[in-house]
Amino acid sequence: MKQLTLTETATDYPSISQGTGLANLGREDSATITRAIGEFFTPVPIEYRGFAPELLSGAQEIILSNGLHAHRWPGKGQTVLLVHGWGGNSAQLAGFVKPLLSQGKQVIAVDMWAHGLSPGVESNCVKFAEGIAATEREFGHIDQAVGHSLGAASILVAANSGVKLDKAVLISPPSILLVMEKFLGMKKIDRRLLEAFIQMGERYVGRSRRQADALMVSPFVQIPFLLIHDERDRRCPISVSQELSAAAENRPLITTHGLGHNRIIDAPEVIEQAVAYLS
């Protein structure tokens, strides 16, 4: 088993400069930002390969009342929700199912909007959080949750919006503001338009950044959670988890080495640590 390091220190959270707001945009810049928003909130899903037959044999396939697709493995113990990341699907977290079932837990895995087997073309962190709330309404109290990437961030947004979890495991959570900043850079869009991009994003999702960004909602989230993040994650910097961890004593951070952003959820040592935390 690889050695995992418990990290207790945090780095500075990169600031987001104000730049030009929506009210001051010219027609060309407005068109640029509008196109960027449409692309930003449209996932390009990976191929859906589904759960292995031996897992499906014990699962119930369910369509929630809001149209989301879910798999449920019944158990008499606590209910654990698995929340995938952006562009992913619930089957990516298949490695967590058997270990959680072995503890007698009930496991639910949901494909969020425009992901996996669920309908839709566009999605965002708020829609993910609403999907978590819809799952709670459908199945009753969710005791625990495991989230990866945007799924991890959406657990915090959902908890801040009234979903009452007992504890959670957040793997490689992003700050949506940092993701938006990086997206503009990738598209070679002038950084002075970042504030307008964020403001248009707020209008699009119907929530302010303080209600939709993991770092901004975290001061209002009281549940304990374990953070797991790779030190060289190129998609979501570990600084986000470091700041989340430093903000409260009940948020330990485990740092992995060489697992990156996606392979981390398949690593046996990560699954073992996550399941142990939830036991």
Protein backbone atom coordinates (compact mmCIF):
# COMPACT_ATOMS: atom_id res chain seq x y z
CA MET A 1 0.00 0.00 0.00
CA LYS A 2 1.26 3.47 -0.83
CA GLN A 3 2.04 5.74 2.09
CA LEU A 4 -0.46 8.56 2.48
CA THR A 5 0.53 11.81 4.16
CA LEU A 6 -1.77 13.71 6.49
CA THR A 7 -1.41 17.40 5.61
CA GLU A 8 -2.30 20.14 8.07
CA THR A 9 -0.93 23.26 6.40
CA ALA A 10 -2.57 25.42 3.76
CA THR A 11 -1.34 27.59 0.93
CA ASP A 12 -2.75 30.97 0.01
CA TYR A 13 -5.92 30.89 -2.06
CA PRO A 14 -5.26 32.72 -5.35
CA SER A 15 -7.32 35.89 -5.53
CA ILE A 16 -9.79 36.65 -8.30
CA SER A 17 -9.35 40.16 -9.62
CA GLN A 18 -12.50 42.19 -10.30
CA GLY A 19 -11.81 43.13 -13.91
CA THR A 20 -14.65 44.28 -16.15
CA GLY A 21 -18.18 43.51 -14.99
CA LEU A 22 -21.17 42.70 -17.17
CA ALA A 23 -22.51 46.24 -17.01
CA ASN A 24 -19.39 47.58 -18.73
CA LEU A 25 -19.05 45.02 -21.51
CA GLY A 26 -19.05 46.00 -25.15
CA ARG A 27 -21.02 44.02 -27.70
CA GLU A 28 -18.08 41.93 -28.89
CA ASP A 29 -16.92 41.06 -25.36
CA SER A 30 -20.49 40.23 -24.36
CA ALA A 31 -20.79 37.82 -27.28
CA THR A 32 -17.47 36.23 -26.35
CA ILE A 33 -18.54 35.67 -22.75
CA THR A 34 -21.97 34.35 -23.78
CA ARG A 35 -20.34 31.74 -26.03
CA ALA A 36 -17.87 30.84 -23.29
CA ILE A 37 -20.67 30.33 -20.75
CA GLY A 38 -22.51 27.97 -23.07
CA GLU A 39 -19.37 25.90 -23.56
CA PHE A 40 -18.35 26.02 -19.91
CA PHE A 41 -21.63 24.53 -18.70
CA THR A 42 -21.83 21.84 -21.38
CA PRO A 43 -19.99 18.68 -20.30
CA VAL A 44 -18.21 16.36 -22.69
CA PRO A 45 -18.94 13.04 -20.96
CA ILE A 46 -16.54 10.14 -21.02
CA GLU A 47 -17.76 6.83 -22.40
CA TYR A 48 -20.28 5.21 -20.06
CA ARG A 49 -19.14 1.66 -19.39
CA GLY A 50 -21.52 0.95 -16.53
CA PHE A 51 -21.14 -1.17 -13.43
CA ALA A 52 -19.74 -4.68 -13.53
CA PRO A 53 -22.40 -7.44 -13.84
CA GLU A 54 -21.63 -8.77 -10.37
CA LEU A 55 -22.42 -5.34 -8.89
CA LEU A 56 -25.54 -4.86 -11.00
CA SER A 57 -26.94 -8.19 -9.84
CA GLY A 58 -27.47 -6.75 -6.37
CA ALA A 59 -28.59 -3.30 -7.45
CA GLN A 60 -31.94 -1.68 -8.09
CA GLU A 61 -32.02 0.57 -11.15
CA ILE A 62 -34.18 3.60 -10.39
CA ILE A 63 -35.30 6.71 -12.25
CA LEU A 64 -35.87 9.51 -9.76
CA SER A 65 -39.01 11.63 -10.04
CA ASN A 66 -36.93 14.45 -11.55
CA GLY A 67 -35.54 12.14 -14.25
CA LEU A 68 -32.10 11.40 -12.84
CA HIS A 69 -30.83 7.84 -13.22
CA ALA A 70 -29.66 5.99 -10.09
CA HIS A 71 -28.50 2.61 -8.83
CA ARG A 72 -29.31 1.55 -5.27
CA TRP A 73 -27.76 -1.29 -3.29
CA PRO A 74 -30.01 -1.94 -0.26
CA GLY A 75 -28.54 -2.28 3.20
CA LYS A 76 -29.79 -2.04 6.77
CA GLY A 77 -27.16 0.45 7.91
CA GLN A 78 -26.38 4.04 7.03
CA THR A 79 -27.08 5.39 3.56
CA VAL A 80 -24.07 6.54 1.53
CA LEU A 81 -24.43 8.60 -1.65
CA LEU A 82 -21.73 8.45 -4.35
CA VAL A 83 -21.38 11.63 -6.41
CA HIS A 84 -19.23 11.60 -9.55
CA GLY A 85 -17.38 14.53 -11.08
CA TRP A 86 -17.72 16.75 -14.16
CA GLY A 87 -17.86 14.77 -17.39
CA GLY A 88 -17.93 11.52 -15.43
CA ASN A 89 -20.62 9.11 -14.26
CA SER A 90 -21.62 7.11 -11.22
CA ALA A 91 -19.90 3.92 -12.40
CA GLN A 92 -16.52 5.61 -11.92
CA LEU A 93 -17.06 5.20 -8.17
CA ALA A 94 -17.83 1.49 -8.45
CA GLY A 95 -14.78 0.62 -6.36
CA PHE A 96 -16.45 2.06 -3.28
CA VAL A 97 -19.61 -0.05 -3.51
CA LYS A 98 -18.48 -3.46 -2.21
CA PRO A 99 -16.42 -2.10 0.72
CA LEU A 100 -19.35 0.05 1.83
CA LEU A 101 -21.82 -2.83 1.45
CA SER A 102 -19.52 -5.01 3.55
CA GLN A 103 -20.16 -2.57 6.39
CA GLY A 104 -23.91 -3.09 5.99
CA LYS A 105 -24.50 0.30 4.44
CA GLN A 106 -27.03 1.17 1.79
CA VAL A 107 -25.28 2.65 -1.26
CA ILE A 108 -26.84 4.98 -3.84
CA ALA A 109 -25.04 6.16 -6.97
CA VAL A 110 -26.64 8.84 -9.14
CA ASP A 111 -25.81 10.10 -12.62
CA MET A 112 -26.18 13.88 -12.45
CA TRP A 113 -27.76 16.05 -15.15
CA ALA A 114 -26.21 15.58 -18.61
CA HIS A 115 -23.97 12.79 -17.29
CA GLY A 116 -24.02 9.00 -17.56
CA LEU A 117 -27.53 7.68 -18.17
CA SER A 118 -29.32 10.84 -16.99
CA PRO A 119 -30.92 13.29 -19.45
CA GLY A 120 -29.81 16.80 -20.28
CA VAL A 121 -27.21 18.70 -22.26
CA GLU A 122 -25.98 21.33 -19.79
CA SER A 123 -25.13 21.08 -16.11
CA ASN A 124 -23.31 22.84 -13.26
CA CYS A 125 -22.42 22.57 -9.58
CA VAL A 126 -25.81 23.89 -8.45
CA LYS A 127 -27.62 21.29 -10.55
CA PHE A 128 -25.39 18.63 -8.99
CA ALA A 129 -26.35 19.92 -5.53
CA GLU A 130 -30.02 19.90 -6.50
CA GLY A 131 -29.55 16.30 -7.64
CA ILE A 132 -28.24 15.44 -4.17
CA ALA A 133 -31.27 17.14 -2.58
CA ALA A 134 -33.59 15.25 -4.96
CA THR A 135 -31.98 11.97 -3.93
CA GLU A 136 -32.58 12.83 -0.28
CA ARG A 137 -36.25 13.56 -1.00
CA GLU A 138 -36.58 10.27 -2.88
CA PHE A 139 -34.82 7.94 -0.45
CA GLY A 140 -34.93 9.78 2.86
CA HIS A 141 -32.02 10.90 5.00
CA ILE A 142 -28.57 10.50 3.47
CA ASP A 143 -26.11 9.80 6.27
CA GLN A 144 -22.87 10.08 4.36
CA ALA A 145 -21.54 11.00 0.93
CA VAL A 146 -18.45 10.41 -1.17
CA GLY A 147 -17.80 12.91 -3.94
CA HIS A 148 -15.12 13.31 -6.58
CA SER A 149 -14.13 16.58 -8.24
CA LEU A 150 -17.25 18.67 -8.94
CA GLY A 151 -19.23 16.03 -7.06
CA ALA A 152 -17.17 16.80 -3.98
CA ALA A 153 -17.76 20.54 -4.34
CA SER A 154 -21.47 19.97 -4.88
CA ILE A 155 -21.70 18.08 -1.58
CA LEU A 156 -20.62 21.26 0.19
CA VAL A 157 -23.09 23.35 -1.82
CA ALA A 158 -25.88 20.87 -1.01
CA ALA A 159 -24.98 20.82 2.70
CA ASN A 160 -25.06 24.62 2.73
CA SER A 161 -28.50 24.47 1.08
CA GLY A 162 -30.10 22.23 3.69
CA VAL A 163 -29.09 18.63 2.93
CA LYS A 164 -28.30 17.16 6.35
CA LEU A 165 -25.33 14.83 6.08
CA ASP A 166 -23.50 13.35 9.06
CA LYS A 167 -20.10 13.25 7.37
CA ALA A 168 -18.52 13.11 3.92
CA VAL A 169 -15.41 12.25 1.94
CA LEU A 170 -14.37 14.87 -0.61
CA ILE A 171 -11.86 13.73 -3.22
CA SER A 172 -10.10 16.37 -5.32
CA PRO A 173 -12.66 19.18 -4.82
CA PRO A 174 -12.32 22.27 -7.04
CA SER A 175 -13.07 25.93 -6.53
CA ILE A 176 -15.47 26.85 -9.33
CA LEU A 177 -13.94 30.34 -9.47
CA LEU A 178 -10.48 28.92 -10.11
CA VAL A 179 -11.92 26.55 -12.71
CA MET A 180 -13.54 29.50 -14.48
CA GLU A 181 -10.28 31.42 -14.39
CA LYS A 182 -8.41 28.45 -15.86
CA PHE A 183 -11.09 27.96 -18.53
CA LEU A 184 -10.66 31.52 -19.83
CA GLY A 185 -6.93 30.93 -20.04
CA MET A 186 -7.42 27.72 -22.01
CA LYS A 187 -9.72 29.56 -24.42
CA LYS A 188 -7.27 32.46 -24.67
CA ILE A 189 -9.93 34.92 -23.52
CA ASP A 190 -8.66 38.15 -21.98
CA ARG A 191 -8.46 37.81 -18.19
CA ARG A 192 -10.03 41.23 -17.75
CA LEU A 193 -13.31 39.53 -18.70
CA LEU A 194 -13.12 37.11 -15.76
CA GLU A 195 -15.43 39.12 -13.50
CA ALA A 196 -18.02 39.39 -16.29
CA PHE A 197 -17.67 35.65 -16.90
CA ILE A 198 -18.31 34.94 -13.22
CA GLN A 199 -21.27 37.34 -13.10
CA MET A 200 -22.85 35.72 -16.16
CA GLY A 201 -22.23 32.32 -14.57
CA GLU A 202 -24.05 33.47 -11.44
CA ARG A 203 -27.05 34.47 -13.55
CA TYR A 204 -26.92 31.17 -15.40
CA VAL A 205 -26.98 28.95 -12.29
CA GLY A 206 -29.28 31.25 -10.30
CA ARG A 207 -26.92 31.50 -7.31
CA SER A 208 -24.18 33.90 -6.28
CA ARG A 209 -20.56 32.76 -6.14
CA ARG A 210 -20.87 32.74 -2.34
CA GLN A 211 -23.52 30.05 -2.69
CA ALA A 212 -21.85 28.01 -5.42
CA ASP A 213 -18.10 27.97 -4.75
CA ALA A 214 -16.74 25.31 -2.39
CA LEU A 215 -14.34 27.66 -0.63
CA MET A 216 -16.99 30.31 -0.15
CA VAL A 217 -19.71 28.02 1.22
CA SER A 218 -17.39 25.98 3.44
CA PRO A 219 -17.43 28.40 6.44
CA PHE A 220 -21.17 27.73 6.72
CA VAL A 221 -20.89 23.93 6.48
CA GLN A 222 -20.63 22.30 9.90
CA ILE A 223 -20.39 18.61 8.99
CA PRO A 224 -17.01 16.88 9.37
CA PHE A 225 -15.39 15.66 6.19
CA LEU A 226 -12.24 13.92 5.03
CA LEU A 227 -10.35 15.47 2.13
CA ILE A 228 -8.20 13.38 -0.22
CA HIS A 229 -6.20 15.15 -2.91
CA ASP A 230 -3.14 14.42 -5.02
CA GLU A 231 -0.26 16.83 -4.64
CA ARG A 232 0.17 17.10 -8.41
CA ASP A 233 -3.46 17.29 -9.46
CA ARG A 234 -3.30 19.41 -12.62
CA ARG A 235 -7.04 19.90 -12.99
CA CYS A 236 -7.94 20.94 -9.44
CA PRO A 237 -5.02 22.27 -7.37
CA ILE A 238 -4.47 20.79 -3.94
CA SER A 239 -4.43 24.32 -2.50
CA VAL A 240 -8.26 24.17 -2.46
CA SER A 241 -8.27 21.12 -0.18
CA GLN A 242 -5.49 22.63 1.91
CA GLU A 243 -7.55 25.73 2.57
CA LEU A 244 -10.69 23.72 3.29
CA SER A 245 -8.76 21.58 5.74
CA ALA A 246 -7.09 24.50 7.50
CA ALA A 247 -10.43 26.19 8.14
CA ALA A 248 -11.63 23.63 10.73
CA GLU A 249 -10.21 20.87 12.92
CA ASN A 250 -12.71 18.26 11.73
CA ARG A 251 -11.46 18.32 8.12
CA PRO A 252 -8.35 16.11 7.88
CA LEU A 253 -6.52 16.09 4.56
CA ILE A 254 -4.81 13.05 3.10
CA THR A 255 -2.31 13.85 0.36
CA THR A 256 -1.56 11.24 -2.29
CA HIS A 257 1.45 11.15 -4.60
CA GLY A 258 1.31 10.38 -8.31
CA LEU A 259 -2.41 9.55 -8.62
CA GLY A 260 -3.46 12.74 -10.40
CA HIS A 261 -7.08 13.82 -10.69
CA ASN A 262 -8.88 10.74 -12.01
CA ARG A 263 -6.80 7.70 -11.06
CA ILE A 264 -7.16 8.70 -7.42
CA ILE A 265 -10.71 7.30 -7.21
CA ASP A 266 -9.53 3.86 -8.36
CA ALA A 267 -6.60 3.61 -5.96
CA PRO A 268 -7.21 0.83 -3.37
CA GLU A 269 -5.47 2.84 -0.63
CA VAL A 270 -7.76 5.82 -1.26
CA ILE A 271 -10.90 3.66 -1.20
CA GLU A 272 -9.68 2.00 2.00
CA GLN A 273 -9.03 5.32 3.74
CA ALA A 274 -12.39 6.74 2.62
CA VAL A 275 -14.38 3.71 3.75
CA ALA A 276 -12.51 3.59 7.07
CA TYR A 277 -13.40 7.23 7.71
CA LEU A 278 -17.08 6.47 7.11
CA SER A 279 -17.11 3.34 9.28
